Amino acid sequence: MAITQKQFYARTFAFLAAALLLLLTIVGGSLYLTRLTQQNFDKVVMTRSVRSAAADLLSRIIDAETGQRGYLLTRDQRYLEPYREQVGAIAPRLEQLQVAMDQMMGGRVDLSELSQRVTAKTAELDSTVSLALDGQYDAAVAEVAGGAGLALMDEIRSQLGTILDQTEAQLRAGIERQESIGSTLRHVTVVGALAIVLMAAAAAWTILRYTR
């Protein structure tokens, strides 16, 4: 059955309004999901920075302790160069961790306890090496054997290990969120495109019927 001019205008307007509304919905949804993607990506990047800083700090302390032990055991001063390099890098790595955690949490994070232990550990390393350099090897070894440095190292390893475990879990969750947001964005785009195609087909059919 033929359609009247009034029906044609009404249907055409309805199709245009629906298509415009759908297009605005798709654009708005895409912009929102894109913003979520960027926010999640930024959070993942900051979490990786924290994890990298924590791992690097722990590695520096372990390497410094290895150099200390090597020198005390062998009395070979070739161990002192890498030892001093690692010890000198500890404070900057601790500051790097502080900055990374502040950025991730959006405020000042209290790392005073970790900082005190790292400072104490560095002092213990310097003390034993200084004693050995003065020829007091027995005193240096006795200080190491006292276990204070080992206890500090265990506490530092535990604290940094907790940070590493937490950031690893956050990274996995962030990657899963990124995949979920990407999947939703693809679905919105595909479904919206199909809806627009269907509306265009319906409008074309209406125009065809009217022209006939």
C-alpha atoms as a PDB file:
ATOM      1  CA  MET A   1       0.000   0.000   0.000  1.00  0.00           C
ATOM      2  CA  ALA A   2       1.311   3.442  -0.938  1.00  0.00           C
ATOM      3  CA  ILE A   3       2.175   5.888   1.827  1.00  0.00           C
ATOM      4  CA  THR A   4       0.992   9.464   1.970  1.00  0.00           C
ATOM      5  CA  GLN A   5       3.234  12.502   1.884  1.00  0.00           C
ATOM      6  CA  LYS A   6       2.453  13.163   5.553  1.00  0.00           C
ATOM      7  CA  GLN A   7       3.446   9.615   6.497  1.00  0.00           C
ATOM      8  CA  PHE A   8       6.605   9.931   4.418  1.00  0.00           C
ATOM      9  CA  TYR A   9       7.653  13.130   6.166  1.00  0.00           C
ATOM     10  CA  ALA A  10       6.847  11.673   9.581  1.00  0.00           C
ATOM     11  CA  ARG A  11       8.809   8.500   8.983  1.00  0.00           C
ATOM     12  CA  THR A  12      11.725  10.324   7.439  1.00  0.00           C
ATOM     13  CA  PHE A  13      11.919  12.673  10.412  1.00  0.00           C
ATOM     14  CA  ALA A  14      11.677   9.733  12.801  1.00  0.00           C
ATOM     15  CA  PHE A  15      14.515   7.904  11.048  1.00  0.00           C
ATOM     16  CA  LEU A  16      16.695  11.037  11.040  1.00  0.00           C
ATOM     17  CA  ALA A  17      16.007  11.734  14.720  1.00  0.00           C
ATOM     18  CA  ALA A  18      16.695   8.121  15.691  1.00  0.00           C
ATOM     19  CA  ALA A  19      19.862   8.009  13.620  1.00  0.00           C
ATOM     20  CA  LEU A  20      21.097  11.278  15.137  1.00  0.00           C
ATOM     21  CA  LEU A  21      20.325  10.057  18.648  1.00  0.00           C
ATOM     22  CA  LEU A  22      22.087   6.761  17.976  1.00  0.00           C
ATOM     23  CA  LEU A  23      25.103   8.534  16.506  1.00  0.00           C
ATOM     24  CA  LEU A  24      25.357  10.816  19.522  1.00  0.00           C
ATOM     25  CA  THR A  25      25.087   7.776  21.814  1.00  0.00           C
ATOM     26  CA  ILE A  26      27.858   5.966  19.938  1.00  0.00           C
ATOM     27  CA  VAL A  27      30.136   9.028  19.971  1.00  0.00           C
ATOM     28  CA  GLY A  28      29.463   9.685  23.665  1.00  0.00           C
ATOM     29  CA  GLY A  29      30.004   6.043  24.590  1.00  0.00           C
ATOM     30  CA  SER A  30      33.202   5.887  22.556  1.00  0.00           C
ATOM     31  CA  LEU A  31      34.571   9.051  24.150  1.00  0.00           C
ATOM     32  CA  TYR A  32      33.718   7.767  27.630  1.00  0.00           C
ATOM     33  CA  LEU A  33      35.326   4.382  26.999  1.00  0.00           C
ATOM     34  CA  THR A  34      38.356   6.043  25.429  1.00  0.00           C
ATOM     35  CA  ARG A  35      38.761   8.214  28.530  1.00  0.00           C
ATOM     36  CA  LEU A  36      38.485   5.117  30.733  1.00  0.00           C
ATOM     37  CA  THR A  37      41.117   3.421  28.593  1.00  0.00           C
ATOM     38  CA  GLN A  38      43.510   6.354  29.015  1.00  0.00           C
ATOM     39  CA  GLN A  39      42.922   6.556  32.763  1.00  0.00           C
ATOM     40  CA  ASN A  40      43.491   2.836  33.172  1.00  0.00           C
ATOM     41  CA  PHE A  41      46.595   2.981  30.978  1.00  0.00           C
ATOM     42  CA  ASP A  42      48.029   5.834  33.065  1.00  0.00           C
ATOM     43  CA  LYS A  43      47.389   3.834  36.231  1.00  0.00           C
ATOM     44  CA  VAL A  44      49.092   0.763  34.764  1.00  0.00           C
ATOM     45  CA  VAL A  45      52.114   2.872  33.787  1.00  0.00           C
ATOM     46  CA  MET A  46      52.383   4.333  37.314  1.00  0.00           C
ATOM     47  CA  THR A  47      52.029   0.871  38.864  1.00  0.00           C
ATOM     48  CA  ARG A  48      54.801  -0.443  36.645  1.00  0.00           C
ATOM     49  CA  SER A  49      56.990   2.479  37.705  1.00  0.00           C
ATOM     50  CA  VAL A  50      56.468   1.577  41.374  1.00  0.00           C
ATOM     51  CA  ARG A  51      57.195  -2.078  40.723  1.00  0.00           C
ATOM     52  CA  SER A  52      60.322  -1.255  38.740  1.00  0.00           C
ATOM     53  CA  ALA A  53      61.586   1.158  41.409  1.00  0.00           C
ATOM     54  CA  ALA A  54      61.000  -1.356  44.220  1.00  0.00           C
ATOM     55  CA  ALA A  55      62.713  -4.167  42.305  1.00  0.00           C
ATOM     56  CA  ASP A  56      65.650  -1.925  41.409  1.00  0.00           C
ATOM     57  CA  LEU A  57      66.093  -0.766  45.008  1.00  0.00           C
ATOM     58  CA  LEU A  58      66.069  -4.328  46.307  1.00  0.00           C
ATOM     59  CA  SER A  59      68.554  -5.390  43.638  1.00  0.00           C
ATOM     60  CA  ARG A  60      70.937  -2.551  44.537  1.00  0.00           C
ATOM     61  CA  ILE A  61      70.902  -3.425  48.238  1.00  0.00           C
ATOM     62  CA  ILE A  62      71.470  -7.128  47.521  1.00  0.00           C
ATOM     63  CA  ASP A  63      74.347  -6.327  45.151  1.00  0.00           C
ATOM     64  CA  ALA A  64      75.906  -3.977  47.706  1.00  0.00           C
ATOM     65  CA  GLU A  65      75.692  -6.675  50.353  1.00  0.00           C
ATOM     66  CA  THR A  66      77.252  -9.158  47.926  1.00  0.00           C
ATOM     67  CA  GLY A  67      80.171  -6.776  47.354  1.00  0.00           C
ATOM     68  CA  GLN A  68      80.602  -6.321  51.095  1.00  0.00           C
ATOM     69  CA  ARG A  69      80.653 -10.069  51.717  1.00  0.00           C
ATOM     70  CA  GLY A  70      83.044 -10.617  48.816  1.00  0.00           C
ATOM     71  CA  TYR A  71      85.515  -8.063  50.138  1.00  0.00           C
ATOM     72  CA  LEU A  72      85.367  -9.324  53.716  1.00  0.00           C
ATOM     73  CA  LEU A  73      85.886 -12.914  52.609  1.00  0.00           C
ATOM     74  CA  THR A  74      88.630 -12.372  50.040  1.00  0.00           C
ATOM     75  CA  ARG A  75      90.127  -9.021  51.109  1.00  0.00           C
ATOM     76  CA  ASP A  76      90.307  -8.322  47.400  1.00  0.00           C
ATOM     77  CA  GLN A  77      89.706  -4.627  46.768  1.00  0.00           C
ATOM     78  CA  ARG A  78      88.281  -5.352  43.337  1.00  0.00           C
ATOM     79  CA  TYR A  79      85.009  -5.992  45.175  1.00  0.00           C
ATOM     80  CA  LEU A  80      84.985  -2.425  46.485  1.00  0.00           C
ATOM     81  CA  GLU A  81      84.349  -0.704  43.152  1.00  0.00           C
ATOM     82  CA  PRO A  82      81.007  -2.455  42.427  1.00  0.00           C
ATOM     83  CA  TYR A  83      80.180  -2.235  46.143  1.00  0.00           C
ATOM     84  CA  ARG A  84      80.604   1.545  46.184  1.00  0.00           C
ATOM     85  CA  GLU A  85      78.666   1.887  42.940  1.00  0.00           C
ATOM     86  CA  GLN A  86      75.705  -0.007  44.367  1.00  0.00           C
ATOM     87  CA  VAL A  87      75.785   1.772  47.742  1.00  0.00           C
ATOM     88  CA  GLY A  88      75.842   5.141  46.002  1.00  0.00           C
ATOM     89  CA  ALA A  89      72.756   4.201  44.001  1.00  0.00           C
ATOM     90  CA  ILE A  90      70.630   3.130  46.975  1.00  0.00           C
ATOM     91  CA  ALA A  91      69.506   6.582  48.162  1.00  0.00           C
ATOM     92  CA  PRO A  92      68.480   7.791  44.658  1.00  0.00           C
ATOM     93  CA  ARG A  93      66.546   4.539  44.092  1.00  0.00           C
ATOM     94  CA  LEU A  94      64.739   4.978  47.398  1.00  0.00           C
ATOM     95  CA  GLU A  95      63.768   8.517  46.383  1.00  0.00           C
ATOM     96  CA  GLN A  96      62.630   7.215  42.996  1.00  0.00           C
ATOM     97  CA  LEU A  97      60.394   4.693  44.751  1.00  0.00           C
ATOM     98  CA  GLN A  98      58.944   7.463  46.947  1.00  0.00           C
ATOM     99  CA  VAL A  99      58.127   9.612  43.917  1.00  0.00           C
ATOM    100  CA  ALA A 100      56.584   6.704  42.008  1.00  0.00           C
ATOM    101  CA  MET A 101      54.384   5.682  44.943  1.00  0.00           C
ATOM    102  CA  ASP A 102      53.290   9.281  45.559  1.00  0.00           C
ATOM    103  CA  GLN A 103      52.227   9.568  41.917  1.00  0.00           C
ATOM    104  CA  MET A 104      50.371   6.276  41.976  1.00  0.00           C
ATOM    105  CA  MET A 105      48.526   7.036  45.216  1.00  0.00           C
ATOM    106  CA  GLY A 106      47.928  10.709  44.444  1.00  0.00           C
ATOM    107  CA  GLY A 107      49.515  11.889  47.702  1.00  0.00           C
ATOM    108  CA  ARG A 108      52.449  11.487  50.020  1.00  0.00           C
ATOM    109  CA  VAL A 109      53.055   7.842  50.948  1.00  0.00           C
ATOM    110  CA  ASP A 110      54.768   7.130  54.255  1.00  0.00           C
ATOM    111  CA  LEU A 111      57.933   5.160  53.538  1.00  0.00           C
ATOM    112  CA  SER A 112      59.735   6.349  56.645  1.00  0.00           C
ATOM    113  CA  GLU A 113      59.983   2.854  58.121  1.00  0.00           C
ATOM    114  CA  LEU A 114      61.509   1.440  54.961  1.00  0.00           C
ATOM    115  CA  SER A 115      63.784   4.468  54.655  1.00  0.00           C
ATOM    116  CA  GLN A 116      65.080   4.017  58.211  1.00  0.00           C
ATOM    117  CA  ARG A 117      65.850   0.360  57.597  1.00  0.00           C
ATOM    118  CA  VAL A 118      67.591   1.081  54.305  1.00  0.00           C
ATOM    119  CA  THR A 119      69.644   3.819  55.974  1.00  0.00           C
ATOM    120  CA  ALA A 120      70.556   1.474  58.828  1.00  0.00           C
ATOM    121  CA  LYS A 121      71.503  -1.263  56.377  1.00  0.00           C
ATOM    122  CA  THR A 122      73.698   1.110  54.390  1.00  0.00           C
ATOM    123  CA  ALA A 123      75.377   2.247  57.609  1.00  0.00           C
ATOM    124  CA  GLU A 124      76.012  -1.385  58.581  1.00  0.00           C
ATOM    125  CA  LEU A 125      77.599  -2.081  55.201  1.00  0.00           C
ATOM    126  CA  ASP A 126      79.799   1.024  55.399  1.00  0.00           C
ATOM    127  CA  SER A 127      80.810   0.239  58.982  1.00  0.00           C
ATOM    128  CA  THR A 128      82.054  -3.257  58.221  1.00  0.00           C
ATOM    129  CA  VAL A 129      83.866  -2.214  55.054  1.00  0.00           C
ATOM    130  CA  SER A 130      85.524   0.710  56.901  1.00  0.00           C
ATOM    131  CA  LEU A 131      86.698  -1.642  59.648  1.00  0.00           C
ATOM    132  CA  ALA A 132      88.167  -3.990  57.056  1.00  0.00           C
ATOM    133  CA  LEU A 133      89.903  -1.128  55.255  1.00  0.00           C
ATOM    134  CA  ASP A 134      91.492  -0.181  58.587  1.00  0.00           C
ATOM    135  CA  GLY A 135      92.777  -3.733  58.893  1.00  0.00           C
ATOM    136  CA  GLN A 136      90.252  -4.771  61.539  1.00  0.00           C
ATOM    137  CA  TYR A 137      88.948  -7.777  59.608  1.00  0.00           C
ATOM    138  CA  ASP A 138      88.037  -9.756  62.708  1.00  0.00           C
ATOM    139  CA  ALA A 139      85.918  -6.884  64.038  1.00  0.00           C
ATOM    140  CA  ALA A 140      84.236  -6.488  60.657  1.00  0.00           C
ATOM    141  CA  VAL A 141      83.414 -10.188  60.423  1.00  0.00           C
ATOM    142  CA  ALA A 142      82.200 -10.193  64.033  1.00  0.00           C
ATOM    143  CA  GLU A 143      79.812  -7.317  63.231  1.00  0.00           C
ATOM    144  CA  VAL A 144      78.430  -9.229  60.273  1.00  0.00           C
ATOM    145  CA  ALA A 145      78.114 -12.377  62.381  1.00  0.00           C
ATOM    146  CA  GLY A 146      76.135 -10.416  64.962  1.00  0.00           C
ATOM    147  CA  GLY A 147      73.113 -10.715  62.685  1.00  0.00           C
ATOM    148  CA  ALA A 148      71.891  -7.108  62.795  1.00  0.00           C
ATOM    149  CA  GLY A 149      72.558  -6.631  59.097  1.00  0.00           C
ATOM    150  CA  LEU A 150      70.830  -9.908  58.262  1.00  0.00           C
ATOM    151  CA  ALA A 151      67.768  -8.900  60.269  1.00  0.00           C
ATOM    152  CA  LEU A 152      67.624  -5.539  58.494  1.00  0.00           C
ATOM    153  CA  MET A 153      67.964  -7.223  55.123  1.00  0.00           C
ATOM    154  CA  ASP A 154      65.123  -9.622  55.904  1.00  0.00           C
ATOM    155  CA  GLU A 155      62.862  -6.727  56.939  1.00  0.00           C
ATOM    156  CA  ILE A 156      63.741  -4.718  53.821  1.00  0.00           C
ATOM    157  CA  ARG A 157      63.185  -7.725  51.599  1.00  0.00           C
ATOM    158  CA  SER A 158      59.816  -8.332  53.263  1.00  0.00           C
ATOM    159  CA  GLN A 159      58.645  -4.729  52.826  1.00  0.00           C
ATOM    160  CA  LEU A 160      59.758  -4.451  49.236  1.00  0.00           C
ATOM    161  CA  GLY A 161      58.379  -7.930  48.550  1.00  0.00           C
ATOM    162  CA  THR A 162      54.972  -6.768  49.755  1.00  0.00           C
ATOM    163  CA  ILE A 163      55.124  -3.779  47.407  1.00  0.00           C
ATOM    164  CA  LEU A 164      56.139  -6.048  44.532  1.00  0.00           C
ATOM    165  CA  ASP A 165      53.299  -8.501  45.239  1.00  0.00           C
ATOM    166  CA  GLN A 166      50.708  -5.735  45.488  1.00  0.00           C
ATOM    167  CA  THR A 167      51.808  -3.993  42.310  1.00  0.00           C
ATOM    168  CA  GLU A 168      51.897  -7.315  40.450  1.00  0.00           C
ATOM    169  CA  ALA A 169      48.268  -7.952  41.433  1.00  0.00           C
ATOM    170  CA  GLN A 170      47.331  -4.395  40.427  1.00  0.00           C
ATOM    171  CA  LEU A 171      49.056  -4.821  37.070  1.00  0.00           C
ATOM    172  CA  ARG A 172      47.117  -8.003  36.334  1.00  0.00           C
ATOM    173  CA  ALA A 173      43.861  -6.305  37.301  1.00  0.00           C
ATOM    174  CA  GLY A 174      44.721  -3.257  35.180  1.00  0.00           C
ATOM    175  CA  ILE A 175      45.482  -5.387  32.131  1.00  0.00           C
ATOM    176  CA  GLU A 176      42.204  -7.251  32.578  1.00  0.00           C
ATOM    177  CA  ARG A 177      40.326  -3.926  32.818  1.00  0.00           C
ATOM    178  CA  GLN A 178      42.068  -2.694  29.689  1.00  0.00           C
ATOM    179  CA  GLU A 179      40.985  -5.783  27.786  1.00  0.00           C
ATOM    180  CA  SER A 180      37.413  -5.468  29.104  1.00  0.00           C
ATOM    181  CA  ILE A 181      37.149  -1.796  28.128  1.00  0.00           C
ATOM    182  CA  GLY A 182      38.580  -2.530  24.681  1.00  0.00           C
ATOM    183  CA  SER A 183      36.069  -5.335  24.164  1.00  0.00           C
ATOM    184  CA  THR A 184      33.181  -3.078  25.228  1.00  0.00           C
ATOM    185  CA  LEU A 185      34.361  -0.340  22.876  1.00  0.00           C
ATOM    186  CA  ARG A 186      34.460  -2.779  19.962  1.00  0.00           C
ATOM    187  CA  HIS A 187      30.969  -4.047  20.762  1.00  0.00           C
ATOM    188  CA  VAL A 188      29.580  -0.512  20.983  1.00  0.00           C
ATOM    189  CA  THR A 189      31.113   0.366  17.624  1.00  0.00           C
ATOM    190  CA  VAL A 190      29.912  -2.799  15.870  1.00  0.00           C
ATOM    191  CA  VAL A 191      26.383  -2.726  17.310  1.00  0.00           C
ATOM    192  CA  GLY A 192      26.044   0.992  16.587  1.00  0.00           C
ATOM    193  CA  ALA A 193      27.244   0.561  13.026  1.00  0.00           C
ATOM    194  CA  LEU A 194      24.775  -2.298  12.430  1.00  0.00           C
ATOM    195  CA  ALA A 195      21.938  -0.230  13.888  1.00  0.00           C
ATOM    196  CA  ILE A 196      22.769   2.690  11.602  1.00  0.00           C
ATOM    197  CA  VAL A 197      22.889   0.370   8.575  1.00  0.00           C
ATOM    198  CA  LEU A 198      19.483  -1.049   9.487  1.00  0.00           C
ATOM    199  CA  MET A 199      18.039   2.430   9.897  1.00  0.00           C
ATOM    200  CA  ALA A 200      19.506   3.488   6.557  1.00  0.00           C
ATOM    201  CA  ALA A 201      17.930   0.424   4.910  1.00  0.00           C
ATOM    202  CA  ALA A 202      14.571   1.154   6.490  1.00  0.00           C
ATOM    203  CA  ALA A 203      14.764   4.784   5.371  1.00  0.00           C
ATOM    204  CA  ALA A 204      15.699   3.729   1.861  1.00  0.00           C
ATOM    205  CA  TRP A 205      12.733   1.345   1.786  1.00  0.00           C
ATOM    206  CA  THR A 206      10.412   4.130   2.926  1.00  0.00           C
ATOM    207  CA  ILE A 207      11.737   6.483   0.222  1.00  0.00           C
ATOM    208  CA  LEU A 208      11.373   3.749  -2.391  1.00  0.00           C
ATOM    209  CA  ARG A 209       7.773   3.094  -1.400  1.00  0.00           C
ATOM    210  CA  TYR A 210       6.980   6.808  -1.510  1.00  0.00           C
ATOM    211  CA  THR A 211       8.560   7.382  -4.911  1.00  0.00           C
ATOM    212  CA  ARG A 212       6.607   4.436  -6.307  1.00  0.00           C
END
